[in-house]
Amino acid sequence: MIPRTIHQIWISEAPPKPFLTKCVKSVKHLHPHWTYRLHRDFTAMYDQRLGELGETSPAFCFDVLGKLGGRGPHSVVAMQTDILRLVLLYLHGGIYLDIDMWSIRRLDSFVRDKLVLMRITPAIIGEGLIGAEARSDDIKDIIEWYMRQPNVDGYVSMNLEGLALERGWNAYGSDYFCPHTRTRNDNLYRMTSVTHTIHCWKEHIYHVPRLRRMTQIANGQTPTGSYG
């Protein structure tokens, strides 16, 4: 069973923007009984002397995290967070959410899964939401696969579609966690009864009071727009 722990990452000396802070509040609001962890200290996550990983952590985790402090192909911050989320899930288990995801419904129904993957489109399995048990062999496979991927124009794509087909993994449709496309501004109109999060890539098109009202309606509450 997946632990009721939510992981998010924000690697910056500056605090998250106000909209992102509201996204975090939406997650906490719906999951008061979950453990919430916002990981901000990048150094402490890859340095064995300072890290939270502990002496019992597998050696391969330190090998992977050790690469993140250099100037090699995996040193771009976005790529660092791609790998960090996987290592955190491998070590601790739980569900990782990108910090720009707005929570619509509770994630409790997914803790019985061994691996939670989300589709962005029918052909793309993304990394904005991933869930797994601690010490998951599937997460270890994803980490090792990711570290083998070529660097294209300074970035490594993390479309897990091919690996999922190879391993026989299932992924939830985009209407569960990512009910929109990147090219149209109809994000708020494509939610369904199974939508649990909205991935808010383009924060300027989202009206926070409306997001709050939709969340309250989805959870059988009288819409007030009063939280967050």
C-alpha atoms as a PDB file:
ATOM      1  CA  MET A   1       0.000   0.000   0.000  1.00  0.00           C
ATOM      2  CA  ILE A   2       1.198   3.504  -0.837  1.00  0.00           C
ATOM      3  CA  PRO A   3       1.884   5.604   2.293  1.00  0.00           C
ATOM      4  CA  ARG A   4      -0.375   8.607   2.800  1.00  0.00           C
ATOM      5  CA  THR A   5       2.472  11.036   2.233  1.00  0.00           C
ATOM      6  CA  ILE A   6       2.467  13.848  -0.323  1.00  0.00           C
ATOM      7  CA  HIS A   7       5.822  15.053  -1.638  1.00  0.00           C
ATOM      8  CA  GLN A   8       6.396  18.336  -3.461  1.00  0.00           C
ATOM      9  CA  ILE A   9       9.655  20.018  -4.479  1.00  0.00           C
ATOM     10  CA  TRP A  10      10.579  23.690  -4.729  1.00  0.00           C
ATOM     11  CA  ILE A  11      14.292  24.229  -5.414  1.00  0.00           C
ATOM     12  CA  SER A  12      14.764  27.986  -5.196  1.00  0.00           C
ATOM     13  CA  GLU A  13      15.954  30.548  -2.682  1.00  0.00           C
ATOM     14  CA  ALA A  14      12.825  32.562  -3.455  1.00  0.00           C
ATOM     15  CA  PRO A  15       9.475  31.432  -2.045  1.00  0.00           C
ATOM     16  CA  PRO A  16       6.872  29.970  -4.424  1.00  0.00           C
ATOM     17  CA  LYS A  17       4.727  32.494  -6.300  1.00  0.00           C
ATOM     18  CA  PRO A  18       1.361  33.355  -4.718  1.00  0.00           C
ATOM     19  CA  PHE A  19      -0.544  31.165  -7.186  1.00  0.00           C
ATOM     20  CA  LEU A  20       1.677  28.172  -6.398  1.00  0.00           C
ATOM     21  CA  THR A  21       1.172  28.793  -2.684  1.00  0.00           C
ATOM     22  CA  LYS A  22      -2.582  28.571  -3.293  1.00  0.00           C
ATOM     23  CA  CYS A  23      -2.075  25.279  -5.151  1.00  0.00           C
ATOM     24  CA  VAL A  24      -0.191  23.910  -2.123  1.00  0.00           C
ATOM     25  CA  LYS A  25      -3.017  25.063   0.154  1.00  0.00           C
ATOM     26  CA  SER A  26      -5.544  23.228  -2.017  1.00  0.00           C
ATOM     27  CA  VAL A  27      -3.560  20.011  -1.540  1.00  0.00           C
ATOM     28  CA  LYS A  28      -3.254  20.442   2.221  1.00  0.00           C
ATOM     29  CA  HIS A  29      -6.903  21.405   2.561  1.00  0.00           C
ATOM     30  CA  LEU A  30      -8.117  18.111   1.080  1.00  0.00           C
ATOM     31  CA  HIS A  31      -5.501  15.946   2.800  1.00  0.00           C
ATOM     32  CA  PRO A  32      -5.327  17.003   6.467  1.00  0.00           C
ATOM     33  CA  HIS A  33      -4.805  13.364   7.515  1.00  0.00           C
ATOM     34  CA  TRP A  34      -1.842  12.888   5.169  1.00  0.00           C
ATOM     35  CA  THR A  35       1.781  13.709   5.887  1.00  0.00           C
ATOM     36  CA  TYR A  36       2.830  16.661   3.726  1.00  0.00           C
ATOM     37  CA  ARG A  37       6.468  17.278   2.820  1.00  0.00           C
ATOM     38  CA  LEU A  38       7.751  20.227   0.800  1.00  0.00           C
ATOM     39  CA  HIS A  39      11.380  19.525  -0.123  1.00  0.00           C
ATOM     40  CA  ARG A  40      13.378  22.732  -0.578  1.00  0.00           C
ATOM     41  CA  ASP A  41      16.982  22.052   0.415  1.00  0.00           C
ATOM     42  CA  PHE A  42      18.541  20.550  -2.694  1.00  0.00           C
ATOM     43  CA  THR A  43      21.984  20.169  -1.126  1.00  0.00           C
ATOM     44  CA  ALA A  44      20.610  18.148   1.763  1.00  0.00           C
ATOM     45  CA  MET A  45      18.977  15.771  -0.681  1.00  0.00           C
ATOM     46  CA  TYR A  46      22.068  14.773  -2.632  1.00  0.00           C
ATOM     47  CA  ASP A  47      24.815  15.124  -0.032  1.00  0.00           C
ATOM     48  CA  GLN A  48      25.172  11.957   2.023  1.00  0.00           C
ATOM     49  CA  ARG A  49      26.609  13.907   4.949  1.00  0.00           C
ATOM     50  CA  LEU A  50      23.692  16.340   5.116  1.00  0.00           C
ATOM     51  CA  GLY A  51      20.846  14.364   3.593  1.00  0.00           C
ATOM     52  CA  GLU A  52      17.807  12.846   5.193  1.00  0.00           C
ATOM     53  CA  LEU A  53      18.391   9.553   3.404  1.00  0.00           C
ATOM     54  CA  GLY A  54      20.271   7.826   6.203  1.00  0.00           C
ATOM     55  CA  GLU A  55      22.797   5.001   6.261  1.00  0.00           C
ATOM     56  CA  THR A  56      20.206   2.402   5.272  1.00  0.00           C
ATOM     57  CA  SER A  57      19.581   4.020   1.879  1.00  0.00           C
ATOM     58  CA  PRO A  58      20.603   1.916  -1.128  1.00  0.00           C
ATOM     59  CA  ALA A  59      23.920   2.842  -2.680  1.00  0.00           C
ATOM     60  CA  PHE A  60      22.375   3.477  -6.080  1.00  0.00           C
ATOM     61  CA  CYS A  61      20.360   6.393  -4.598  1.00  0.00           C
ATOM     62  CA  PHE A  62      23.559   8.139  -3.594  1.00  0.00           C
ATOM     63  CA  ASP A  63      25.067   7.370  -7.001  1.00  0.00           C
ATOM     64  CA  VAL A  64      22.106   9.022  -8.720  1.00  0.00           C
ATOM     65  CA  LEU A  65      21.848  11.995  -6.376  1.00  0.00           C
ATOM     66  CA  GLY A  66      25.603  12.531  -6.508  1.00  0.00           C
ATOM     67  CA  LYS A  67      25.346  13.324 -10.222  1.00  0.00           C
ATOM     68  CA  LEU A  68      22.936  16.154  -9.535  1.00  0.00           C
ATOM     69  CA  GLY A  69      25.494  18.422  -7.935  1.00  0.00           C
ATOM     70  CA  GLY A  70      27.767  18.672 -10.971  1.00  0.00           C
ATOM     71  CA  ARG A  71      27.617  20.326 -14.349  1.00  0.00           C
ATOM     72  CA  GLY A  72      26.878  17.238 -16.385  1.00  0.00           C
ATOM     73  CA  PRO A  73      23.818  16.452 -18.493  1.00  0.00           C
ATOM     74  CA  HIS A  74      21.662  15.895 -15.392  1.00  0.00           C
ATOM     75  CA  SER A  75      22.482  19.182 -13.641  1.00  0.00           C
ATOM     76  CA  VAL A  76      19.601  21.307 -14.987  1.00  0.00           C
ATOM     77  CA  VAL A  77      17.231  22.119 -12.119  1.00  0.00           C
ATOM     78  CA  ALA A  78      14.159  20.740 -13.906  1.00  0.00           C
ATOM     79  CA  MET A  79      16.001  17.489 -14.550  1.00  0.00           C
ATOM     80  CA  GLN A  80      17.260  17.407 -10.987  1.00  0.00           C
ATOM     81  CA  THR A  81      13.726  17.610  -9.678  1.00  0.00           C
ATOM     82  CA  ASP A  82      12.638  14.888 -12.127  1.00  0.00           C
ATOM     83  CA  ILE A  83      15.133  12.522 -10.523  1.00  0.00           C
ATOM     84  CA  LEU A  84      14.711  13.775  -6.964  1.00  0.00           C
ATOM     85  CA  ARG A  85      11.002  13.011  -6.958  1.00  0.00           C
ATOM     86  CA  LEU A  86      11.761   9.433  -7.966  1.00  0.00           C
ATOM     87  CA  VAL A  87      14.457   8.946  -5.338  1.00  0.00           C
ATOM     88  CA  LEU A  88      12.181  10.379  -2.639  1.00  0.00           C
ATOM     89  CA  LEU A  89       9.412   7.991  -3.667  1.00  0.00           C
ATOM     90  CA  TYR A  90      11.816   5.064  -3.725  1.00  0.00           C
ATOM     91  CA  LEU A  91      13.097   5.808  -0.240  1.00  0.00           C
ATOM     92  CA  HIS A  92       9.897   6.898   1.482  1.00  0.00           C
ATOM     93  CA  GLY A  93       6.927   5.989  -0.709  1.00  0.00           C
ATOM     94  CA  GLY A  94       3.912   8.249  -1.154  1.00  0.00           C
ATOM     95  CA  ILE A  95       2.526  10.398  -3.948  1.00  0.00           C
ATOM     96  CA  TYR A  96       4.533  13.142  -5.619  1.00  0.00           C
ATOM     97  CA  LEU A  97       2.698  16.176  -7.044  1.00  0.00           C
ATOM     98  CA  ASP A  98       4.169  19.020  -9.053  1.00  0.00           C
ATOM     99  CA  ILE A  99       3.807  22.219  -7.073  1.00  0.00           C
ATOM    100  CA  ASP A 100       1.516  23.735  -9.745  1.00  0.00           C
ATOM    101  CA  MET A 101      -1.153  21.041  -9.361  1.00  0.00           C
ATOM    102  CA  TRP A 102      -4.495  22.080  -7.880  1.00  0.00           C
ATOM    103  CA  SER A 103      -6.215  19.413  -5.800  1.00  0.00           C
ATOM    104  CA  ILE A 104      -9.874  18.761  -6.712  1.00  0.00           C
ATOM    105  CA  ARG A 105     -10.572  15.482  -4.906  1.00  0.00           C
ATOM    106  CA  ARG A 106      -8.794  13.431  -2.239  1.00  0.00           C
ATOM    107  CA  LEU A 107      -6.185  10.913  -3.368  1.00  0.00           C
ATOM    108  CA  ASP A 108      -7.106   8.233  -0.825  1.00  0.00           C
ATOM    109  CA  SER A 109      -8.511   5.847  -3.443  1.00  0.00           C
ATOM    110  CA  PHE A 110      -5.078   5.483  -5.048  1.00  0.00           C
ATOM    111  CA  VAL A 111      -3.138   4.280  -2.004  1.00  0.00           C
ATOM    112  CA  ARG A 112      -4.115   0.669  -2.766  1.00  0.00           C
ATOM    113  CA  ASP A 113      -2.176   0.803  -6.050  1.00  0.00           C
ATOM    114  CA  LYS A 114       1.443  -0.291  -6.246  1.00  0.00           C
ATOM    115  CA  LEU A 115       2.256   2.349  -8.865  1.00  0.00           C
ATOM    116  CA  VAL A 116       0.300   5.458  -9.886  1.00  0.00           C
ATOM    117  CA  LEU A 117       1.108   7.025 -13.257  1.00  0.00           C
ATOM    118  CA  MET A 118      -0.713   9.813 -15.090  1.00  0.00           C
ATOM    119  CA  ARG A 119      -1.276  10.460 -18.762  1.00  0.00           C
ATOM    120  CA  ILE A 120      -0.930  13.945 -20.171  1.00  0.00           C
ATOM    121  CA  THR A 121      -2.172  12.825 -23.587  1.00  0.00           C
ATOM    122  CA  PRO A 122      -3.025   9.371 -24.998  1.00  0.00           C
ATOM    123  CA  ALA A 123       0.626   9.045 -26.079  1.00  0.00           C
ATOM    124  CA  ILE A 124       2.431  10.673 -23.140  1.00  0.00           C
ATOM    125  CA  ILE A 125       2.783   9.442 -19.556  1.00  0.00           C
ATOM    126  CA  GLY A 126       4.160  12.354 -17.566  1.00  0.00           C
ATOM    127  CA  GLU A 127       5.888  12.822 -14.248  1.00  0.00           C
ATOM    128  CA  GLY A 128       3.755  15.575 -12.685  1.00  0.00           C
ATOM    129  CA  LEU A 129       2.071  13.012 -10.435  1.00  0.00           C
ATOM    130  CA  ILE A 130       3.642   9.691  -9.480  1.00  0.00           C
ATOM    131  CA  GLY A 131       2.820   7.405  -6.581  1.00  0.00           C
ATOM    132  CA  ALA A 132       4.491   4.252  -5.293  1.00  0.00           C
ATOM    133  CA  GLU A 133       5.302   2.124  -2.296  1.00  0.00           C
ATOM    134  CA  ALA A 134       8.693   2.604  -0.632  1.00  0.00           C
ATOM    135  CA  ARG A 135      11.515   0.578  -2.192  1.00  0.00           C
ATOM    136  CA  SER A 136       9.432   0.010  -5.306  1.00  0.00           C
ATOM    137  CA  ASP A 137      11.233  -1.952  -8.011  1.00  0.00           C
ATOM    138  CA  ASP A 138       9.132  -0.055 -10.567  1.00  0.00           C
ATOM    139  CA  ILE A 139      10.461   3.305  -9.337  1.00  0.00           C
ATOM    140  CA  LYS A 140      13.992   1.944  -9.376  1.00  0.00           C
ATOM    141  CA  ASP A 141      13.446   0.880 -12.998  1.00  0.00           C
ATOM    142  CA  ILE A 142      12.227   4.396 -13.873  1.00  0.00           C
ATOM    143  CA  ILE A 143      15.273   6.012 -12.214  1.00  0.00           C
ATOM    144  CA  GLU A 144      17.717   3.756 -14.037  1.00  0.00           C
ATOM    145  CA  TRP A 145      15.844   4.270 -17.336  1.00  0.00           C
ATOM    146  CA  TYR A 146      15.846   8.042 -16.880  1.00  0.00           C
ATOM    147  CA  MET A 147      19.576   8.184 -16.191  1.00  0.00           C
ATOM    148  CA  ARG A 148      20.206   6.376 -19.491  1.00  0.00           C
ATOM    149  CA  GLN A 149      18.190   8.822 -21.598  1.00  0.00           C
ATOM    150  CA  PRO A 150      19.986  11.181 -24.015  1.00  0.00           C
ATOM    151  CA  ASN A 151      20.256  14.869 -23.309  1.00  0.00           C
ATOM    152  CA  VAL A 152      18.492  16.819 -26.087  1.00  0.00           C
ATOM    153  CA  ASP A 153      19.066  20.587 -26.097  1.00  0.00           C
ATOM    154  CA  GLY A 154      19.850  20.598 -22.391  1.00  0.00           C
ATOM    155  CA  TYR A 155      16.873  18.545 -21.273  1.00  0.00           C
ATOM    156  CA  VAL A 156      15.945  14.889 -20.895  1.00  0.00           C
ATOM    157  CA  SER A 157      12.376  14.019 -21.809  1.00  0.00           C
ATOM    158  CA  MET A 158      10.502  11.952 -19.240  1.00  0.00           C
ATOM    159  CA  ASN A 159       7.742  10.370 -21.320  1.00  0.00           C
ATOM    160  CA  LEU A 160       7.273   6.992 -19.649  1.00  0.00           C
ATOM    161  CA  GLU A 161       5.013   5.590 -22.367  1.00  0.00           C
ATOM    162  CA  GLY A 162       7.601   3.254 -23.891  1.00  0.00           C
ATOM    163  CA  LEU A 163       8.819   1.965 -20.538  1.00  0.00           C
ATOM    164  CA  ALA A 164       5.238   1.432 -19.348  1.00  0.00           C
ATOM    165  CA  LEU A 165       4.447  -0.648 -22.425  1.00  0.00           C
ATOM    166  CA  GLU A 166       7.594  -2.690 -21.887  1.00  0.00           C
ATOM    167  CA  ARG A 167       6.823  -3.315 -18.207  1.00  0.00           C
ATOM    168  CA  GLY A 168       3.069  -3.737 -18.586  1.00  0.00           C
ATOM    169  CA  TRP A 169       2.212  -0.766 -16.361  1.00  0.00           C
ATOM    170  CA  ASN A 170      -1.151   0.956 -16.555  1.00  0.00           C
ATOM    171  CA  ALA A 171      -1.592   4.712 -16.360  1.00  0.00           C
ATOM    172  CA  TYR A 172      -4.652   6.721 -15.434  1.00  0.00           C
ATOM    173  CA  GLY A 173      -6.194   8.742 -18.243  1.00  0.00           C
ATOM    174  CA  SER A 174      -5.594  12.466 -18.484  1.00  0.00           C
ATOM    175  CA  ASP A 175      -9.065  13.184 -17.084  1.00  0.00           C
ATOM    176  CA  TYR A 176      -7.883  11.927 -13.665  1.00  0.00           C
ATOM    177  CA  PHE A 177      -4.970  14.273 -13.036  1.00  0.00           C
ATOM    178  CA  CYS A 178      -4.359  16.444 -16.099  1.00  0.00           C
ATOM    179  CA  PRO A 179      -7.694  17.187 -17.812  1.00  0.00           C
ATOM    180  CA  HIS A 180      -6.549  19.594 -20.495  1.00  0.00           C
ATOM    181  CA  THR A 181      -4.074  20.218 -23.285  1.00  0.00           C
ATOM    182  CA  ARG A 182      -1.158  22.636 -23.381  1.00  0.00           C
ATOM    183  CA  THR A 183      -2.437  24.383 -26.492  1.00  0.00           C
ATOM    184  CA  ARG A 184      -6.011  25.349 -25.581  1.00  0.00           C
ATOM    185  CA  ASN A 185      -7.372  27.486 -22.774  1.00  0.00           C
ATOM    186  CA  ASP A 186     -10.317  25.168 -22.053  1.00  0.00           C
ATOM    187  CA  ASN A 187      -8.672  23.580 -18.997  1.00  0.00           C
ATOM    188  CA  LEU A 188     -11.508  24.249 -16.591  1.00  0.00           C
ATOM    189  CA  TYR A 189     -14.185  22.831 -18.878  1.00  0.00           C
ATOM    190  CA  ARG A 190     -12.795  19.327 -19.364  1.00  0.00           C
ATOM    191  CA  MET A 191     -13.053  18.031 -15.803  1.00  0.00           C
ATOM    192  CA  THR A 192     -15.101  14.892 -15.135  1.00  0.00           C
ATOM    193  CA  SER A 193     -16.376  12.967 -12.131  1.00  0.00           C
ATOM    194  CA  VAL A 194     -12.957  11.254 -11.851  1.00  0.00           C
ATOM    195  CA  THR A 195     -10.804  14.402 -11.965  1.00  0.00           C
ATOM    196  CA  HIS A 196      -8.605  14.619  -8.861  1.00  0.00           C
ATOM    197  CA  THR A 197      -6.102  17.320  -9.829  1.00  0.00           C
ATOM    198  CA  ILE A 198      -5.560  20.021 -12.437  1.00  0.00           C
ATOM    199  CA  HIS A 199      -2.022  20.617 -13.650  1.00  0.00           C
ATOM    200  CA  CYS A 200      -1.888  24.407 -13.913  1.00  0.00           C
ATOM    201  CA  TRP A 201       0.932  24.981 -16.395  1.00  0.00           C
ATOM    202  CA  LYS A 202      -0.457  28.364 -17.458  1.00  0.00           C
ATOM    203  CA  GLU A 203      -1.335  29.926 -14.134  1.00  0.00           C
ATOM    204  CA  HIS A 204      -2.583  33.152 -15.703  1.00  0.00           C
ATOM    205  CA  ILE A 205      -5.660  31.456 -17.185  1.00  0.00           C
ATOM    206  CA  TYR A 206      -6.849  30.033 -13.847  1.00  0.00           C
ATOM    207  CA  HIS A 207      -9.331  31.934 -11.737  1.00  0.00           C
ATOM    208  CA  VAL A 208      -8.598  30.876  -8.141  1.00  0.00           C
ATOM    209  CA  PRO A 209     -12.086  31.527  -6.692  1.00  0.00           C
ATOM    210  CA  ARG A 210     -13.551  29.402  -9.467  1.00  0.00           C
ATOM    211  CA  LEU A 211     -11.069  26.605  -8.770  1.00  0.00           C
ATOM    212  CA  ARG A 212     -12.076  26.716  -5.108  1.00  0.00           C
ATOM    213  CA  ARG A 213     -15.783  26.581  -5.933  1.00  0.00           C
ATOM    214  CA  MET A 214     -15.271  23.636  -8.297  1.00  0.00           C
ATOM    215  CA  THR A 215     -13.311  21.805  -5.588  1.00  0.00           C
ATOM    216  CA  GLN A 216     -16.063  22.356  -3.041  1.00  0.00           C
ATOM    217  CA  ILE A 217     -18.767  21.201  -5.457  1.00  0.00           C
ATOM    218  CA  ALA A 218     -16.738  18.095  -6.345  1.00  0.00           C
ATOM    219  CA  ASN A 219     -16.612  17.228  -2.628  1.00  0.00           C
ATOM    220  CA  GLY A 220     -20.329  17.765  -1.975  1.00  0.00           C
ATOM    221  CA  GLN A 221     -19.863  21.074  -0.181  1.00  0.00           C
ATOM    222  CA  THR A 222     -21.717  24.351  -0.544  1.00  0.00           C
ATOM    223  CA  PRO A 223     -19.426  26.554  -2.631  1.00  0.00           C
ATOM    224  CA  THR A 224     -18.111  29.528  -0.684  1.00  0.00           C
ATOM    225  CA  GLY A 225     -14.617  30.063  -2.086  1.00  0.00           C
ATOM    226  CA  SER A 226     -13.470  30.700   1.458  1.00  0.00           C
ATOM    227  CA  TYR A 227     -10.363  28.515   1.836  1.00  0.00           C
ATOM    228  CA  GLY A 228      -6.820  28.987   0.538  1.00  0.00           C
END
